[in-house]
Amino acid sequence: MSSLATVNQRDITAFQQRSLADAFLANKSETTIRAYRNDLDDFTAFTGSRDRDEAAGLLIGMGQGNANAYVLE
């Protein structure tokens, strides 16, 4: 796994992160949201993040290519 410090993260505010999450979850069933929450809990543990918000911010801030590479290592 690559070091989190070496990843070029884009600046994203907590408001932007929450807005993106809200838009992504809009019109999803409760079952789907629960499954996503479980996946994010797993990712939180994988990254050693403090909580779901930190893990989500890490993933979103990396950009698509870096995020894909990170989880594949």
N, C-alpha and C. Protein backbone atom coordinates (compact mmCIF):
# COMPACT_ATOMS: atom_id res chain seq x y z
N MET A 1 0.85 -1.17 0.00
CA MET A 1 0.00 0.00 0.00
C MET A 1 0.89 1.23 0.00
N SER A 2 0.54 2.22 -0.82
CA SER A 2 1.35 3.43 -0.89
C SER A 2 1.08 4.32 0.31
N SER A 3 2.04 5.13 0.62
CA SER A 3 1.90 6.05 1.73
C SER A 3 0.88 7.13 1.39
N LEU A 4 0.04 7.44 2.36
CA LEU A 4 -0.97 8.48 2.13
C LEU A 4 -0.31 9.83 1.89
N ALA A 5 0.87 10.02 2.46
CA ALA A 5 1.56 11.31 2.32
C ALA A 5 2.04 11.54 0.90
N THR A 6 2.21 10.48 0.11
CA THR A 6 2.74 10.65 -1.24
C THR A 6 1.66 10.92 -2.28
N VAL A 7 0.42 10.83 -1.88
CA VAL A 7 -0.69 11.03 -2.81
C VAL A 7 -0.95 12.52 -2.99
N ASN A 8 -1.06 12.96 -4.23
CA ASN A 8 -1.41 14.34 -4.51
C ASN A 8 -2.91 14.52 -4.34
N GLN A 9 -3.30 15.10 -3.22
CA GLN A 9 -4.72 15.30 -2.97
C GLN A 9 -5.13 16.69 -3.42
N ARG A 10 -6.32 16.74 -4.03
CA ARG A 10 -6.89 18.02 -4.39
C ARG A 10 -7.55 18.60 -3.16
N ASP A 11 -7.61 19.91 -3.09
CA ASP A 11 -8.30 20.55 -1.98
C ASP A 11 -9.80 20.38 -2.16
N ILE A 12 -10.43 19.82 -1.14
CA ILE A 12 -11.88 19.66 -1.18
C ILE A 12 -12.40 20.00 0.21
N THR A 13 -13.37 20.87 0.26
CA THR A 13 -13.90 21.28 1.55
C THR A 13 -14.88 20.24 2.07
N ALA A 14 -15.15 20.29 3.36
CA ALA A 14 -16.11 19.37 3.96
C ALA A 14 -17.49 19.57 3.32
N PHE A 15 -17.83 20.82 3.02
CA PHE A 15 -19.12 21.10 2.38
C PHE A 15 -19.19 20.46 1.00
N GLN A 16 -18.12 20.59 0.22
CA GLN A 16 -18.10 19.98 -1.11
C GLN A 16 -18.18 18.46 -1.01
N GLN A 17 -17.47 17.90 -0.05
CA GLN A 17 -17.49 16.45 0.15
C GLN A 17 -18.90 15.98 0.50
N ARG A 18 -19.56 16.67 1.42
CA ARG A 18 -20.92 16.30 1.83
C ARG A 18 -21.88 16.47 0.66
N SER A 19 -21.74 17.54 -0.10
CA SER A 19 -22.62 17.78 -1.25
C SER A 19 -22.47 16.68 -2.29
N LEU A 20 -21.24 16.27 -2.53
CA LEU A 20 -20.99 15.19 -3.47
C LEU A 20 -21.60 13.89 -2.98
N ALA A 21 -21.42 13.60 -1.70
CA ALA A 21 -21.99 12.37 -1.12
C ALA A 21 -23.51 12.40 -1.19
N ASP A 22 -24.11 13.52 -0.86
CA ASP A 22 -25.57 13.64 -0.91
C ASP A 22 -26.10 13.43 -2.32
N ALA A 23 -25.42 14.02 -3.30
CA ALA A 23 -25.85 13.87 -4.69
C ALA A 23 -25.71 12.41 -5.13
N PHE A 24 -24.63 11.77 -4.73
CA PHE A 24 -24.40 10.38 -5.11
C PHE A 24 -25.46 9.46 -4.51
N LEU A 25 -25.87 9.74 -3.27
CA LEU A 25 -26.83 8.87 -2.58
C LEU A 25 -28.29 9.19 -2.87
N ALA A 26 -28.53 10.28 -3.56
CA ALA A 26 -29.91 10.68 -3.86
C ALA A 26 -30.62 9.57 -4.63
N ASN A 27 -31.83 9.29 -4.21
CA ASN A 27 -32.70 8.30 -4.86
C ASN A 27 -32.18 6.86 -4.79
N LYS A 28 -31.27 6.59 -3.87
CA LYS A 28 -30.80 5.21 -3.66
C LYS A 28 -31.67 4.58 -2.57
N SER A 29 -31.87 3.27 -2.66
CA SER A 29 -32.66 2.57 -1.64
C SER A 29 -31.86 2.49 -0.34
N GLU A 30 -32.58 2.27 0.75
CA GLU A 30 -31.93 2.14 2.05
C GLU A 30 -30.97 0.94 2.06
N THR A 31 -31.33 -0.11 1.35
CA THR A 31 -30.46 -1.29 1.25
C THR A 31 -29.15 -0.95 0.56
N THR A 32 -29.22 -0.19 -0.51
CA THR A 32 -28.02 0.23 -1.23
C THR A 32 -27.16 1.13 -0.36
N ILE A 33 -27.78 2.07 0.32
CA ILE A 33 -27.04 2.98 1.19
C ILE A 33 -26.35 2.20 2.30
N ARG A 34 -27.03 1.23 2.87
CA ARG A 34 -26.44 0.39 3.92
C ARG A 34 -25.22 -0.38 3.37
N ALA A 35 -25.34 -0.90 2.17
CA ALA A 35 -24.22 -1.62 1.56
C ALA A 35 -23.04 -0.68 1.32
N TYR A 36 -23.31 0.52 0.82
CA TYR A 36 -22.24 1.50 0.62
C TYR A 36 -21.58 1.86 1.96
N ARG A 37 -22.39 2.01 3.00
CA ARG A 37 -21.87 2.33 4.33
C ARG A 37 -20.92 1.22 4.81
N ASN A 38 -21.33 -0.02 4.60
CA ASN A 38 -20.46 -1.15 4.99
C ASN A 38 -19.16 -1.15 4.20
N ASP A 39 -19.25 -0.87 2.91
CA ASP A 39 -18.04 -0.79 2.08
C ASP A 39 -17.12 0.33 2.56
N LEU A 40 -17.72 1.46 2.91
CA LEU A 40 -16.92 2.59 3.39
C LEU A 40 -16.29 2.27 4.75
N ASP A 41 -17.00 1.52 5.59
CA ASP A 41 -16.40 1.08 6.86
C ASP A 41 -15.18 0.21 6.60
N ASP A 42 -15.28 -0.69 5.63
CA ASP A 42 -14.14 -1.53 5.27
C ASP A 42 -12.99 -0.68 4.76
N PHE A 43 -13.29 0.30 3.91
CA PHE A 43 -12.26 1.18 3.36
C PHE A 43 -11.63 2.01 4.48
N THR A 44 -12.43 2.44 5.44
CA THR A 44 -11.93 3.21 6.57
C THR A 44 -10.89 2.39 7.34
N ALA A 45 -11.19 1.14 7.59
CA ALA A 45 -10.24 0.26 8.28
C ALA A 45 -9.00 0.03 7.42
N PHE A 46 -9.19 -0.17 6.12
CA PHE A 46 -8.09 -0.42 5.19
C PHE A 46 -7.08 0.73 5.19
N THR A 47 -7.59 1.96 5.23
CA THR A 47 -6.72 3.13 5.16
C THR A 47 -6.21 3.58 6.53
N GLY A 48 -6.82 3.05 7.59
CA GLY A 48 -6.46 3.50 8.93
C GLY A 48 -7.00 4.89 9.24
N SER A 49 -8.03 5.29 8.51
CA SER A 49 -8.65 6.60 8.74
C SER A 49 -9.39 6.60 10.07
N ARG A 50 -9.59 7.80 10.62
CA ARG A 50 -10.29 7.94 11.90
C ARG A 50 -11.77 7.60 11.80
N ASP A 51 -12.37 7.96 10.66
CA ASP A 51 -13.81 7.76 10.51
C ASP A 51 -14.17 7.72 9.02
N ARG A 52 -15.46 7.50 8.74
CA ARG A 52 -15.92 7.41 7.35
C ARG A 52 -15.66 8.70 6.58
N ASP A 53 -15.88 9.83 7.24
CA ASP A 53 -15.69 11.11 6.55
C ASP A 53 -14.25 11.29 6.10
N GLU A 54 -13.31 10.93 6.97
CA GLU A 54 -11.90 11.05 6.59
C GLU A 54 -11.57 10.10 5.44
N ALA A 55 -12.08 8.88 5.51
CA ALA A 55 -11.82 7.90 4.44
C ALA A 55 -12.42 8.36 3.12
N ALA A 56 -13.65 8.86 3.17
CA ALA A 56 -14.30 9.34 1.95
C ALA A 56 -13.55 10.54 1.37
N GLY A 57 -13.12 11.44 2.23
CA GLY A 57 -12.36 12.60 1.78
C GLY A 57 -11.05 12.19 1.14
N LEU A 58 -10.42 11.18 1.70
CA LEU A 58 -9.18 10.66 1.13
C LEU A 58 -9.42 10.13 -0.27
N LEU A 59 -10.44 9.31 -0.42
CA LEU A 59 -10.75 8.70 -1.70
C LEU A 59 -11.15 9.75 -2.74
N ILE A 60 -12.02 10.66 -2.35
CA ILE A 60 -12.49 11.70 -3.27
C ILE A 60 -11.35 12.65 -3.64
N GLY A 61 -10.52 12.98 -2.68
CA GLY A 61 -9.44 13.93 -2.91
C GLY A 61 -8.33 13.42 -3.80
N MET A 62 -8.23 12.11 -3.94
CA MET A 62 -7.16 11.53 -4.76
C MET A 62 -7.40 11.69 -6.25
N GLY A 63 -8.61 11.83 -6.66
CA GLY A 63 -8.94 11.80 -8.07
C GLY A 63 -9.07 10.36 -8.52
N GLN A 64 -9.72 10.16 -9.62
CA GLN A 64 -10.08 8.81 -10.08
C GLN A 64 -8.88 7.89 -10.29
N GLY A 65 -7.91 8.32 -11.03
CA GLY A 65 -6.75 7.47 -11.32
C GLY A 65 -5.97 7.07 -10.09
N ASN A 66 -5.64 8.05 -9.25
CA ASN A 66 -4.88 7.76 -8.03
C ASN A 66 -5.68 6.90 -7.06
N ALA A 67 -6.98 7.12 -6.97
CA ALA A 67 -7.82 6.31 -6.08
C ALA A 67 -7.84 4.86 -6.53
N ASN A 68 -7.99 4.65 -7.82
CA ASN A 68 -7.98 3.28 -8.36
C ASN A 68 -6.64 2.60 -8.08
N ALA A 69 -5.56 3.30 -8.33
CA ALA A 69 -4.23 2.73 -8.10
C ALA A 69 -4.03 2.41 -6.63
N TYR A 70 -4.49 3.30 -5.76
CA TYR A 70 -4.31 3.11 -4.31
C TYR A 70 -4.98 1.84 -3.82
N VAL A 71 -6.22 1.61 -4.21
CA VAL A 71 -6.93 0.43 -3.70
C VAL A 71 -6.46 -0.86 -4.35
N LEU A 72 -5.78 -0.76 -5.49
CA LEU A 72 -5.28 -1.97 -6.14
C LEU A 72 -3.93 -2.42 -5.59
N GLU A 73 -3.24 -1.54 -4.88
CA GLU A 73 -1.92 -1.91 -4.33
C GLU A 73 -2.07 -2.83 -3.14
